[in-house]
Amino acid sequence: MEKVMYALLLPLVVVSGLVFANREIKNEASKKTTPKPLSAVERKAAREKWEATPAGINFKKWEASPAGKKVYAAEAKIRKHIRASTNMEAVVTALSLPPGARLGFGVMVRLNGDDYILGYGPGKSSEWQQLHRLKVNDQIIIRSHAVSHAPKYLYPIVWLNYVERDRKIIYKRVPRQGGC
């Protein structure tokens, strides 16, 4: 009877030890991976350091150029819609991105008299299949969560949440699960 008891108790002790040891390793790893956020002074110093690099100098020149000012003005026109995530009426003007674009798949649209790049990301996703069926001069309604810019592009980049054509939803972004 004692041998059976020891035979059942020994694996229980070994498994419990492994589970406890694994838990400690995970806790140590999570403590190491969370970086401390930078203070305002550190952020400002890092930004000034970057602005002194050739890339930072070129970016500042682009911001002051007519092309940079045009991009910022176009962003300002739709910023209210972006923040509120409201509908914007757009017309598809081109089915391809400007030459040299590295945004993945996207189309060019006209909103409020200005041209924008609608960026979707990598073009192989099945959820964007309906977006590949858009045609030039299609009238669509879009909602976006962000607008960005880069000196490489002459147009602001609008990242999509929602696209509707002929009162039918053809794309709706699925929020991330399990993240912040």
Protein backbone atom coordinates (compact mmCIF):
# COMPACT_ATOMS: atom_id res chain seq x y z
CA MET A 1 0.00 0.00 0.00
CA GLU A 2 2.82 2.37 0.86
CA LYS A 3 4.53 1.71 -2.49
CA VAL A 4 1.35 2.60 -4.38
CA MET A 5 1.00 5.76 -2.32
CA TYR A 6 4.60 6.78 -3.07
CA ALA A 7 4.11 5.92 -6.76
CA LEU A 8 1.11 8.26 -6.97
CA LEU A 9 2.62 11.03 -4.84
CA LEU A 10 5.98 11.24 -6.65
CA PRO A 11 4.58 12.26 -10.07
CA LEU A 12 2.29 14.75 -8.35
CA VAL A 13 5.26 16.42 -6.65
CA VAL A 14 7.31 16.48 -9.87
CA VAL A 15 4.49 18.00 -11.93
CA SER A 16 3.74 20.59 -9.23
CA GLY A 17 7.40 21.62 -9.16
CA LEU A 18 7.51 22.00 -12.94
CA VAL A 19 4.33 24.11 -13.00
CA PHE A 20 5.61 26.37 -10.22
CA ALA A 21 9.04 26.77 -11.87
CA ASN A 22 7.43 27.59 -15.23
CA ARG A 23 5.26 30.25 -13.60
CA GLU A 24 8.30 31.97 -12.11
CA ILE A 25 10.10 31.99 -15.46
CA LYS A 26 7.09 33.61 -17.16
CA ASN A 27 6.85 36.27 -14.46
CA GLU A 28 10.55 37.12 -14.82
CA ALA A 29 10.26 37.35 -18.61
CA SER A 30 7.26 39.68 -18.45
CA LYS A 31 9.11 42.01 -16.07
CA LYS A 32 12.01 42.28 -18.50
CA THR A 33 9.93 42.97 -21.63
CA THR A 34 8.05 46.04 -20.43
CA PRO A 35 10.22 49.07 -21.21
CA LYS A 36 9.91 52.16 -19.11
CA PRO A 37 8.17 54.98 -21.01
CA LEU A 38 10.31 57.98 -21.81
CA SER A 39 9.76 61.20 -19.94
CA ALA A 40 8.87 64.38 -21.82
CA VAL A 41 12.44 65.64 -21.50
CA GLU A 42 13.86 62.36 -22.84
CA ARG A 43 11.40 62.38 -25.77
CA LYS A 44 12.35 65.96 -26.62
CA ALA A 45 16.07 65.13 -26.46
CA ALA A 46 15.60 62.06 -28.68
CA ARG A 47 13.59 64.11 -31.19
CA GLU A 48 16.24 66.84 -31.31
CA LYS A 49 18.92 64.21 -31.79
CA TRP A 50 16.94 62.68 -34.69
CA GLU A 51 16.32 66.11 -36.25
CA ALA A 52 20.10 66.61 -36.40
CA THR A 53 20.54 63.45 -38.51
CA PRO A 54 20.40 63.63 -42.33
CA ALA A 55 16.95 61.97 -42.31
CA GLY A 56 15.64 64.51 -39.80
CA ILE A 57 17.06 67.43 -41.78
CA ASN A 58 15.45 66.13 -44.99
CA PHE A 59 12.11 65.70 -43.19
CA LYS A 60 12.20 69.27 -41.89
CA LYS A 61 12.98 70.54 -45.40
CA TRP A 62 10.05 68.53 -46.77
CA GLU A 63 7.70 69.93 -44.10
CA ALA A 64 8.66 73.49 -45.10
CA SER A 65 8.36 72.78 -48.85
CA PRO A 66 5.17 73.47 -50.84
CA ALA A 67 4.60 69.70 -51.20
CA GLY A 68 4.79 69.15 -47.44
CA LYS A 69 2.50 72.10 -46.74
CA LYS A 70 -0.01 70.73 -49.29
CA VAL A 71 -0.01 67.31 -47.57
CA TYR A 72 -0.53 68.88 -44.13
CA ALA A 73 -3.35 71.09 -45.46
CA ALA A 74 -5.10 68.04 -46.95
CA GLU A 75 -4.75 66.19 -43.63
CA ALA A 76 -6.24 69.15 -41.77
CA LYS A 77 -9.32 69.07 -44.03
CA ILE A 78 -10.29 65.56 -42.93
CA ARG A 79 -8.92 65.53 -39.37
CA LYS A 80 -12.37 66.22 -37.87
CA HIS A 81 -13.78 63.16 -39.68
CA ILE A 82 -10.83 61.01 -38.64
CA ARG A 83 -11.16 61.89 -34.95
CA ALA A 84 -14.91 61.32 -34.92
CA SER A 85 -14.69 58.32 -37.27
CA THR A 86 -17.53 59.72 -39.39
CA ASN A 87 -18.41 58.92 -42.99
CA MET A 88 -16.54 60.63 -45.83
CA GLU A 89 -17.65 60.48 -49.44
CA ALA A 90 -14.85 59.67 -51.85
CA VAL A 91 -14.40 58.92 -55.55
CA VAL A 92 -11.82 56.37 -56.69
CA THR A 93 -9.39 58.13 -59.05
CA ALA A 94 -6.76 55.40 -59.61
CA LEU A 95 -6.48 51.69 -58.84
CA SER A 96 -2.74 51.77 -58.23
CA LEU A 97 -0.51 53.65 -55.86
CA PRO A 98 2.11 56.19 -56.98
CA PRO A 99 5.33 54.69 -58.41
CA GLY A 100 7.68 53.38 -55.72
CA ALA A 101 4.98 53.03 -53.06
CA ARG A 102 5.65 50.41 -50.38
CA LEU A 103 2.31 50.53 -48.59
CA GLY A 104 1.02 47.21 -49.85
CA PHE A 105 -2.33 47.45 -51.60
CA GLY A 106 -4.20 50.71 -51.93
CA VAL A 107 -6.04 53.03 -54.28
CA MET A 108 -6.10 56.75 -54.92
CA VAL A 109 -9.28 58.64 -54.02
CA ARG A 110 -10.52 62.22 -54.09
CA LEU A 111 -12.09 63.62 -50.90
CA ASN A 112 -13.24 67.23 -50.64
CA GLY A 113 -11.26 68.18 -53.76
CA ASP A 114 -7.95 66.69 -52.59
CA ASP A 115 -6.28 63.42 -53.54
CA TYR A 116 -5.46 60.81 -50.90
CA ILE A 117 -3.94 57.35 -50.78
CA LEU A 118 -6.22 54.74 -49.21
CA GLY A 119 -3.81 52.28 -47.64
CA TYR A 120 -5.03 48.79 -46.85
CA GLY A 121 -1.77 47.02 -46.07
CA PRO A 122 -0.59 43.79 -47.71
CA GLY A 123 -2.79 43.08 -50.72
CA LYS A 124 -3.10 39.33 -50.25
CA SER A 125 -5.61 39.29 -47.40
CA SER A 126 -8.97 37.67 -48.14
CA GLU A 127 -10.85 40.37 -46.22
CA TRP A 128 -9.80 42.92 -48.85
CA GLN A 129 -11.06 40.88 -51.78
CA GLN A 130 -14.04 43.21 -52.31
CA LEU A 131 -11.71 46.22 -52.31
CA HIS A 132 -9.82 44.74 -55.26
CA ARG A 133 -13.08 44.96 -57.24
CA LEU A 134 -13.29 48.76 -57.03
CA LYS A 135 -13.22 50.63 -60.33
CA VAL A 136 -12.19 54.15 -61.28
CA ASN A 137 -15.00 56.68 -60.64
CA ASP A 138 -16.71 54.42 -58.08
CA GLN A 139 -18.36 56.48 -55.36
CA ILE A 140 -17.57 55.06 -51.94
CA ILE A 141 -18.11 56.02 -48.32
CA ILE A 142 -15.16 55.51 -46.03
CA ARG A 143 -14.33 55.80 -42.34
CA SER A 144 -10.80 55.95 -41.11
CA HIS A 145 -8.94 55.69 -37.83
CA ALA A 146 -5.71 57.36 -38.89
CA VAL A 147 -4.08 59.56 -41.47
CA SER A 148 -0.34 59.70 -41.96
CA HIS A 149 2.24 61.19 -44.29
CA ALA A 150 5.74 60.59 -45.57
CA PRO A 151 8.10 62.78 -47.59
CA LYS A 152 8.17 60.05 -50.22
CA TYR A 153 4.49 60.60 -51.09
CA LEU A 154 2.78 63.72 -52.41
CA TYR A 155 -0.50 62.69 -50.79
CA PRO A 156 -1.70 61.94 -47.24
CA ILE A 157 -2.23 58.26 -46.46
CA VAL A 158 -5.65 57.34 -45.05
CA TRP A 159 -5.83 54.00 -43.19
CA LEU A 160 -9.24 52.38 -43.49
CA ASN A 161 -11.77 51.16 -40.95
CA TYR A 162 -14.80 50.88 -43.20
CA VAL A 163 -15.72 51.08 -46.90
CA GLU A 164 -19.23 51.13 -48.34
CA ARG A 165 -20.29 51.16 -52.01
CA ASP A 166 -23.90 51.33 -53.19
CA ARG A 167 -25.09 51.04 -49.57
CA LYS A 168 -23.29 47.70 -49.16
CA ILE A 169 -20.40 47.25 -46.77
CA ILE A 170 -17.43 45.94 -48.72
CA TYR A 171 -14.84 46.23 -45.96
CA LYS A 172 -14.95 46.58 -42.21
CA ARG A 173 -11.80 46.39 -40.11
CA VAL A 174 -11.89 43.80 -37.35
CA PRO A 175 -10.39 45.18 -34.11
CA ARG A 176 -7.46 43.33 -32.58
CA GLN A 177 -8.27 40.77 -29.95
CA GLY A 178 -6.41 40.42 -26.67
CA GLY A 179 -4.32 43.57 -27.05
CA CYS A 180 -4.29 47.03 -25.68
